[in-house]
C-alpha atoms as a PDB file:
ATOM      1  CA  UNK A   1       0.177  12.392   6.172  1.00  0.00           C
ATOM      2  CA  UNK A   2      -1.861  14.852   8.255  1.00  0.00           C
ATOM      3  CA  UNK A   3      -4.134  13.785  11.060  1.00  0.00           C
ATOM      4  CA  UNK A   4      -7.716  13.229   9.916  1.00  0.00           C
ATOM      5  CA  UNK A   5      -9.926  15.986  11.331  1.00  0.00           C
ATOM      6  CA  UNK A   6     -13.301  14.632  10.225  1.00  0.00           C
ATOM      7  CA  UNK A   7     -14.776  11.229   9.549  1.00  0.00           C
ATOM      8  CA  UNK A   8     -15.317  10.438   5.848  1.00  0.00           C
ATOM      9  CA  UNK A   9     -18.863   9.645   4.815  1.00  0.00           C
ATOM     10  CA  UNK A  10     -19.807   6.554   2.788  1.00  0.00           C
ATOM     11  CA  UNK A  11     -22.352   7.360   0.088  1.00  0.00           C
ATOM     12  CA  UNK A  12     -24.586   4.318  -0.311  1.00  0.00           C
ATOM     13  CA  UNK A  13     -27.019   5.710  -2.870  1.00  0.00           C
ATOM     14  CA  UNK A  14     -25.218   7.585  -5.679  1.00  0.00           C
ATOM     15  CA  UNK A  15     -23.866   4.552  -7.585  1.00  0.00           C
ATOM     16  CA  UNK A  16     -25.818   1.765  -5.916  1.00  0.00           C
ATOM     17  CA  UNK A  17     -26.094  -1.439  -7.970  1.00  0.00           C
ATOM     18  CA  UNK A  18     -29.294  -3.373  -8.474  1.00  0.00           C
ATOM     19  CA  UNK A  19     -29.449  -6.670  -6.608  1.00  0.00           C
ATOM     20  CA  UNK A  20     -29.325  -8.516  -9.948  1.00  0.00           C
ATOM     21  CA  UNK A  21     -25.892  -7.049 -10.655  1.00  0.00           C
ATOM     22  CA  UNK A  22     -24.023  -8.875  -7.892  1.00  0.00           C
ATOM     23  CA  UNK A  23     -24.355 -12.087  -5.907  1.00  0.00           C
ATOM     24  CA  UNK A  24     -26.157 -11.713  -2.581  1.00  0.00           C
ATOM     25  CA  UNK A  25     -24.250 -14.628  -1.118  1.00  0.00           C
ATOM     26  CA  UNK A  26     -22.146 -14.373   2.020  1.00  0.00           C
ATOM     27  CA  UNK A  27     -18.634 -15.790   2.142  1.00  0.00           C
ATOM     28  CA  UNK A  28     -15.844 -15.345   4.645  1.00  0.00           C
ATOM     29  CA  UNK A  29     -13.785 -12.295   3.717  1.00  0.00           C
ATOM     30  CA  UNK A  30     -10.035 -12.663   4.093  1.00  0.00           C
ATOM     31  CA  UNK A  31      -8.485  -9.981   1.873  1.00  0.00           C
ATOM     32  CA  UNK A  32      -9.090  -6.314   1.112  1.00  0.00           C
ATOM     33  CA  UNK A  33      -8.028  -6.041  -2.531  1.00  0.00           C
ATOM     34  CA  UNK A  34      -6.972  -2.676  -3.952  1.00  0.00           C
ATOM     35  CA  UNK A  35      -7.620  -1.762  -7.592  1.00  0.00           C
ATOM     36  CA  UNK A  36      -6.154   1.315  -9.304  1.00  0.00           C
ATOM     37  CA  UNK A  37      -8.207   1.793 -12.478  1.00  0.00           C
ATOM     38  CA  UNK A  38      -6.963   4.451 -14.903  1.00  0.00           C
ATOM     39  CA  UNK A  39      -9.764   6.981 -14.577  1.00  0.00           C
ATOM     40  CA  UNK A  40     -10.432  10.528 -13.441  1.00  0.00           C
ATOM     41  CA  UNK A  41     -13.676  10.085 -11.512  1.00  0.00           C
ATOM     42  CA  UNK A  42     -15.818   7.538  -9.717  1.00  0.00           C
ATOM     43  CA  UNK A  43     -18.579   8.243 -12.202  1.00  0.00           C
ATOM     44  CA  UNK A  44     -16.456   7.064 -15.146  1.00  0.00           C
ATOM     45  CA  UNK A  45     -15.929   3.739 -13.365  1.00  0.00           C
ATOM     46  CA  UNK A  46     -19.465   3.223 -12.081  1.00  0.00           C
ATOM     47  CA  UNK A  47     -21.416   4.393 -15.119  1.00  0.00           C
ATOM     48  CA  UNK A  48     -20.766   1.185 -17.149  1.00  0.00           C
ATOM     49  CA  UNK A  49     -21.899  -0.830 -14.125  1.00  0.00           C
ATOM     50  CA  UNK A  50     -25.309   0.849 -14.195  1.00  0.00           C
ATOM     51  CA  UNK A  51     -26.592  -1.463 -16.934  1.00  0.00           C
ATOM     52  CA  UNK A  52     -28.305  -4.392 -15.259  1.00  0.00           C
ATOM     53  CA  UNK A  53     -27.252  -7.683 -16.812  1.00  0.00           C
ATOM     54  CA  UNK A  54     -27.856 -11.254 -15.684  1.00  0.00           C
ATOM     55  CA  UNK A  55     -24.765 -12.920 -17.175  1.00  0.00           C
ATOM     56  CA  UNK A  56     -21.853 -13.552 -14.828  1.00  0.00           C
ATOM     57  CA  UNK A  57     -19.363 -11.697 -17.024  1.00  0.00           C
ATOM     58  CA  UNK A  58     -21.436  -8.526 -16.870  1.00  0.00           C
ATOM     59  CA  UNK A  59     -21.668  -8.481 -13.077  1.00  0.00           C
ATOM     60  CA  UNK A  60     -18.083  -7.300 -12.776  1.00  0.00           C
ATOM     61  CA  UNK A  61     -17.841  -4.539 -10.189  1.00  0.00           C
ATOM     62  CA  UNK A  62     -16.285  -3.624  -6.857  1.00  0.00           C
ATOM     63  CA  UNK A  63     -18.254  -2.889  -3.698  1.00  0.00           C
ATOM     64  CA  UNK A  64     -16.339   0.368  -3.122  1.00  0.00           C
ATOM     65  CA  UNK A  65     -14.976   3.213  -5.219  1.00  0.00           C
ATOM     66  CA  UNK A  66     -12.974   6.123  -3.795  1.00  0.00           C
ATOM     67  CA  UNK A  67     -12.935   9.331  -5.830  1.00  0.00           C
ATOM     68  CA  UNK A  68      -9.905  11.689  -5.900  1.00  0.00           C
ATOM     69  CA  UNK A  69     -12.112  14.117  -3.953  1.00  0.00           C
ATOM     70  CA  UNK A  70     -12.128  11.635  -1.070  1.00  0.00           C
ATOM     71  CA  UNK A  71     -15.755  10.624  -1.619  1.00  0.00           C
ATOM     72  CA  UNK A  72     -16.424   6.964  -0.825  1.00  0.00           C
ATOM     73  CA  UNK A  73     -19.165   5.162  -2.739  1.00  0.00           C
ATOM     74  CA  UNK A  74     -20.597   1.822  -1.666  1.00  0.00           C
ATOM     75  CA  UNK A  75     -21.840   0.034  -4.790  1.00  0.00           C
ATOM     76  CA  UNK A  76     -23.161  -3.003  -2.931  1.00  0.00           C
ATOM     77  CA  UNK A  77     -22.823  -4.507   0.534  1.00  0.00           C
ATOM     78  CA  UNK A  78     -19.279  -5.793   1.180  1.00  0.00           C
ATOM     79  CA  UNK A  79     -20.416  -9.125   2.615  1.00  0.00           C
ATOM     80  CA  UNK A  80     -21.694 -10.054  -0.852  1.00  0.00           C
ATOM     81  CA  UNK A  81     -19.575 -10.498  -3.971  1.00  0.00           C
ATOM     82  CA  UNK A  82     -19.158  -9.941  -7.698  1.00  0.00           C
ATOM     83  CA  UNK A  83     -16.354 -10.856 -10.129  1.00  0.00           C
ATOM     84  CA  UNK A  84     -13.668  -8.200 -10.037  1.00  0.00           C
ATOM     85  CA  UNK A  85     -10.244  -9.836 -10.424  1.00  0.00           C
ATOM     86  CA  UNK A  86     -10.752 -10.992 -14.011  1.00  0.00           C
ATOM     87  CA  UNK A  87      -9.111 -14.425 -13.889  1.00  0.00           C
ATOM     88  CA  UNK A  88     -10.318 -18.001 -14.201  1.00  0.00           C
ATOM     89  CA  UNK A  89      -7.036 -19.900 -13.755  1.00  0.00           C
ATOM     90  CA  UNK A  90      -5.966 -20.352 -10.130  1.00  0.00           C
ATOM     91  CA  UNK A  91      -9.446 -19.128  -9.219  1.00  0.00           C
ATOM     92  CA  UNK A  92     -11.767 -22.160  -9.108  1.00  0.00           C
ATOM     93  CA  UNK A  93     -15.425 -21.240  -8.547  1.00  0.00           C
ATOM     94  CA  UNK A  94     -14.294 -17.581  -8.338  1.00  0.00           C
ATOM     95  CA  UNK A  95     -12.919 -18.316  -4.879  1.00  0.00           C
ATOM     96  CA  UNK A  96     -10.689 -15.220  -4.829  1.00  0.00           C
ATOM     97  CA  UNK A  97     -13.532 -12.963  -5.965  1.00  0.00           C
ATOM     98  CA  UNK A  98     -15.665 -14.357  -3.164  1.00  0.00           C
ATOM     99  CA  UNK A  99     -13.126 -14.051  -0.374  1.00  0.00           C
ATOM    100  CA  UNK A 100     -11.938 -10.537  -1.217  1.00  0.00           C
ATOM    101  CA  UNK A 101     -13.447  -7.064  -0.790  1.00  0.00           C
ATOM    102  CA  UNK A 102     -12.393  -4.867  -3.703  1.00  0.00           C
ATOM    103  CA  UNK A 103     -11.785  -1.131  -3.477  1.00  0.00           C
ATOM    104  CA  UNK A 104     -11.332   0.869  -6.689  1.00  0.00           C
ATOM    105  CA  UNK A 105      -9.051   3.842  -6.010  1.00  0.00           C
ATOM    106  CA  UNK A 106      -9.564   6.297  -8.852  1.00  0.00           C
ATOM    107  CA  UNK A 107      -6.231   7.428 -10.298  1.00  0.00           C
ATOM    108  CA  UNK A 108      -5.064   8.422 -13.776  1.00  0.00           C
ATOM    109  CA  UNK A 109      -1.986   6.192 -13.451  1.00  0.00           C
ATOM    110  CA  UNK A 110       1.119   6.645 -15.614  1.00  0.00           C
ATOM    111  CA  UNK A 111       1.640   9.935 -17.435  1.00  0.00           C
ATOM    112  CA  UNK A 112       3.751  10.941 -20.413  1.00  0.00           C
ATOM    113  CA  UNK A 113       5.028  14.236 -21.710  1.00  0.00           C
ATOM    114  CA  UNK A 114       2.963  15.475 -24.650  1.00  0.00           C
ATOM    115  CA  UNK A 115       5.028  15.019 -27.853  1.00  0.00           C
ATOM    116  CA  UNK A 116       4.062  18.479 -29.099  1.00  0.00           C
ATOM    117  CA  UNK A 117       3.824  20.456 -25.866  1.00  0.00           C
ATOM    118  CA  UNK A 118       6.624  19.534 -23.416  1.00  0.00           C
ATOM    119  CA  UNK A 119       4.857  21.513 -20.687  1.00  0.00           C
ATOM    120  CA  UNK A 120       1.868  19.162 -20.661  1.00  0.00           C
ATOM    121  CA  UNK A 121       1.491  15.683 -19.182  1.00  0.00           C
ATOM    122  CA  UNK A 122      -0.955  13.267 -20.797  1.00  0.00           C
ATOM    123  CA  UNK A 123      -2.696  10.181 -19.498  1.00  0.00           C
ATOM    124  CA  UNK A 124      -3.769   6.951 -21.234  1.00  0.00           C
ATOM    125  CA  UNK A 125      -6.747   7.756 -23.535  1.00  0.00           C
ATOM    126  CA  UNK A 126      -5.877   8.068 -27.221  1.00  0.00           C
ATOM    127  CA  UNK A 127      -2.446   6.537 -26.764  1.00  0.00           C
ATOM    128  CA  UNK A 128      -1.461   8.981 -24.002  1.00  0.00           C
ATOM    129  CA  UNK A 129      -2.920  11.811 -26.023  1.00  0.00           C
ATOM    130  CA  UNK A 130      -5.340  13.160 -23.415  1.00  0.00           C
ATOM    131  CA  UNK A 131      -4.161  16.135 -21.392  1.00  0.00           C
ATOM    132  CA  UNK A 132      -3.963  15.597 -17.638  1.00  0.00           C
ATOM    133  CA  UNK A 133      -2.075  18.561 -16.195  1.00  0.00           C
ATOM    134  CA  UNK A 134       0.645  21.100 -16.816  1.00  0.00           C
ATOM    135  CA  UNK A 135       4.212  20.332 -15.869  1.00  0.00           C
ATOM    136  CA  UNK A 136       4.046  23.260 -13.439  1.00  0.00           C
ATOM    137  CA  UNK A 137       1.187  21.596 -11.505  1.00  0.00           C
ATOM    138  CA  UNK A 138       3.583  19.602  -9.354  1.00  0.00           C
ATOM    139  CA  UNK A 139       0.905  18.696  -6.802  1.00  0.00           C
ATOM    140  CA  UNK A 140      -0.873  16.548  -9.396  1.00  0.00           C
ATOM    141  CA  UNK A 141       1.938  14.136 -10.243  1.00  0.00           C
ATOM    142  CA  UNK A 142       5.017  12.400  -8.890  1.00  0.00           C
ATOM    143  CA  UNK A 143       8.253  11.701 -10.714  1.00  0.00           C
ATOM    144  CA  UNK A 144       9.085   8.016 -10.336  1.00  0.00           C
ATOM    145  CA  UNK A 145      12.502   6.653 -11.300  1.00  0.00           C
ATOM    146  CA  UNK A 146      11.021   3.486 -12.799  1.00  0.00           C
ATOM    147  CA  UNK A 147      11.788   3.925 -16.482  1.00  0.00           C
ATOM    148  CA  UNK A 148       9.316   5.187 -19.071  1.00  0.00           C
ATOM    149  CA  UNK A 149       6.831   6.616 -18.329  1.00  0.00           C
ATOM    150  CA  UNK A 150       8.550   8.320 -15.412  1.00  0.00           C
ATOM    151  CA  UNK A 151       5.578  10.402 -14.314  1.00  0.00           C
ATOM    152  CA  UNK A 152       2.556   9.107 -12.405  1.00  0.00           C
ATOM    153  CA  UNK A 153      -0.570  10.819 -11.139  1.00  0.00           C
ATOM    154  CA  UNK A 154      -0.415  11.664  -7.456  1.00  0.00           C
ATOM    155  CA  UNK A 155      -2.902  10.469  -4.880  1.00  0.00           C
ATOM    156  CA  UNK A 156      -4.577  13.461  -3.187  1.00  0.00           C
ATOM    157  CA  UNK A 157      -4.188  13.418   0.567  1.00  0.00           C
ATOM    158  CA  UNK A 158      -7.952  13.495   1.051  1.00  0.00           C
ATOM    159  CA  UNK A 159      -8.250  10.315  -1.026  1.00  0.00           C
ATOM    160  CA  UNK A 160      -5.648   8.472   1.066  1.00  0.00           C
ATOM    161  CA  UNK A 161      -7.379   9.587   4.260  1.00  0.00           C
ATOM    162  CA  UNK A 162     -10.629   8.134   2.905  1.00  0.00           C
ATOM    163  CA  UNK A 163      -8.863   4.897   1.942  1.00  0.00           C
ATOM    164  CA  UNK A 164      -7.334   4.512   5.392  1.00  0.00           C
ATOM    165  CA  UNK A 165     -10.726   5.067   6.989  1.00  0.00           C
ATOM    166  CA  UNK A 166     -12.448   2.520   4.754  1.00  0.00           C
ATOM    167  CA  UNK A 167      -9.727  -0.133   5.070  1.00  0.00           C
ATOM    168  CA  UNK A 168      -9.765   0.144   8.849  1.00  0.00           C
ATOM    169  CA  UNK A 169     -13.554  -0.063   8.932  1.00  0.00           C
ATOM    170  CA  UNK A 170     -13.663  -3.167   6.722  1.00  0.00           C
ATOM    171  CA  UNK A 171     -10.724  -4.766   8.453  1.00  0.00           C
ATOM    172  CA  UNK A 172     -12.434  -4.537  11.830  1.00  0.00           C
ATOM    173  CA  UNK A 173     -15.866  -5.536  10.557  1.00  0.00           C
ATOM    174  CA  UNK A 174     -14.586  -8.670   8.821  1.00  0.00           C
ATOM    175  CA  UNK A 175     -11.672  -9.461  11.161  1.00  0.00           C
ATOM    176  CA  UNK A 176      -9.068  -9.074   8.399  1.00  0.00           C
ATOM    177  CA  UNK A 177      -5.456  -8.773   9.635  1.00  0.00           C
ATOM    178  CA  UNK A 178      -3.760  -5.362   9.421  1.00  0.00           C
ATOM    179  CA  UNK A 179      -0.937  -6.617   7.207  1.00  0.00           C
ATOM    180  CA  UNK A 180       0.284  -5.906   3.683  1.00  0.00           C
ATOM    181  CA  UNK A 181       2.428  -8.143   1.466  1.00  0.00           C
ATOM    182  CA  UNK A 182       6.167  -8.082   2.176  1.00  0.00           C
ATOM    183  CA  UNK A 183       8.132  -5.754  -0.165  1.00  0.00           C
ATOM    184  CA  UNK A 184       9.236  -8.650  -2.390  1.00  0.00           C
ATOM    185  CA  UNK A 185       5.602  -9.611  -3.021  1.00  0.00           C
ATOM    186  CA  UNK A 186       3.883  -6.225  -3.277  1.00  0.00           C
ATOM    187  CA  UNK A 187       4.424  -5.857  -7.028  1.00  0.00           C
ATOM    188  CA  UNK A 188       4.355  -9.501  -8.106  1.00  0.00           C
ATOM    189  CA  UNK A 189       1.816 -12.189  -8.961  1.00  0.00           C
ATOM    190  CA  UNK A 190       2.275 -15.273  -6.803  1.00  0.00           C
ATOM    191  CA  UNK A 191      -0.810 -17.557  -6.795  1.00  0.00           C
ATOM    192  CA  UNK A 192       0.705 -19.998  -4.328  1.00  0.00           C
ATOM    193  CA  UNK A 193       1.604 -17.307  -1.811  1.00  0.00           C
ATOM    194  CA  UNK A 194      -1.723 -15.463  -2.023  1.00  0.00           C
ATOM    195  CA  UNK A 195      -3.857 -18.629  -2.025  1.00  0.00           C
ATOM    196  CA  UNK A 196      -4.029 -18.553   1.772  1.00  0.00           C
ATOM    197  CA  UNK A 197      -2.976 -14.941   2.344  1.00  0.00           C
ATOM    198  CA  UNK A 198      -5.048 -12.828   4.738  1.00  0.00           C
ATOM    199  CA  UNK A 199      -4.663  -9.062   4.852  1.00  0.00           C
ATOM    200  CA  UNK A 200      -4.471  -6.227   2.319  1.00  0.00           C
ATOM    201  CA  UNK A 201      -3.261  -6.864  -1.228  1.00  0.00           C
ATOM    202  CA  UNK A 202      -3.688  -5.580  -4.781  1.00  0.00           C
ATOM    203  CA  UNK A 203      -4.970  -7.057  -8.007  1.00  0.00           C
ATOM    204  CA  UNK A 204      -1.537  -7.574  -9.547  1.00  0.00           C
ATOM    205  CA  UNK A 205      -0.886 -10.087  -6.771  1.00  0.00           C
ATOM    206  CA  UNK A 206      -3.497 -12.337  -8.414  1.00  0.00           C
ATOM    207  CA  UNK A 207      -3.129 -11.410 -12.116  1.00  0.00           C
ATOM    208  CA  UNK A 208       0.153 -11.881 -13.955  1.00  0.00           C
ATOM    209  CA  UNK A 209      -0.995  -9.577 -16.775  1.00  0.00           C
ATOM    210  CA  UNK A 210      -1.997  -6.661 -14.558  1.00  0.00           C
ATOM    211  CA  UNK A 211       0.223  -4.078 -12.893  1.00  0.00           C
ATOM    212  CA  UNK A 212      -2.554  -2.654 -10.795  1.00  0.00           C
ATOM    213  CA  UNK A 213      -0.717  -0.427  -8.351  1.00  0.00           C
ATOM    214  CA  UNK A 214       0.327   3.051  -9.295  1.00  0.00           C
ATOM    215  CA  UNK A 215       4.085   3.142  -8.482  1.00  0.00           C
ATOM    216  CA  UNK A 216       3.498   6.267  -6.396  1.00  0.00           C
ATOM    217  CA  UNK A 217       1.246   4.370  -3.987  1.00  0.00           C
ATOM    218  CA  UNK A 218       2.890   3.941  -0.578  1.00  0.00           C
ATOM    219  CA  UNK A 219       1.710   0.868   1.334  1.00  0.00           C
ATOM    220  CA  UNK A 220       2.817   2.645   4.505  1.00  0.00           C
ATOM    221  CA  UNK A 221      -0.119   5.009   4.077  1.00  0.00           C
ATOM    222  CA  UNK A 222      -2.374   2.244   5.366  1.00  0.00           C
ATOM    223  CA  UNK A 223      -0.738   2.402   8.765  1.00  0.00           C
ATOM    224  CA  UNK A 224      -0.159  -1.335   8.965  1.00  0.00           C
END
């Protein structure tokens, strides 16, 4: 990882949510929670959030989205909250949604070789039928020895630099410890362990049905 030469800028207007789309209630923040939605751009994540709804289930959104370009978008103020984990069990009164600050890190996720063109890698839409990159574009993917699919979209360096900047900023502002789960817990759901956990985690730590970290993500990038 190269040394950051300029300070990333947080865009607070481009995808800003209306006040009716989140809960302007302050709760103590204890966890920075990473999401890795399968998408290609911040716009594809934020566009569905643009519809203002009053029902709780339609307020789902994260306060931050980081684009592959390194652009950081603040959707609403991080001291407030909205549902983003997607669970009701082991989450009474949405306690984990309230105590966490979610960051959506845009990434295409797992890739598969096109069944017709072996020189093309596809991502999830249409049953892994959407072209993502050519096999020769080695900067856009990583080969992971984790079974099928064995390819995963890479995280651009500029995006990781932006993530590190944002995590450090939030960590200091909300006095969140600079720790990540131990290796045995990073990829697993453990409600008892994460009930009182303080630090940086990911959504799969709270949802048994969600593997929400791209296997190419290196927790060491956060500098903890």
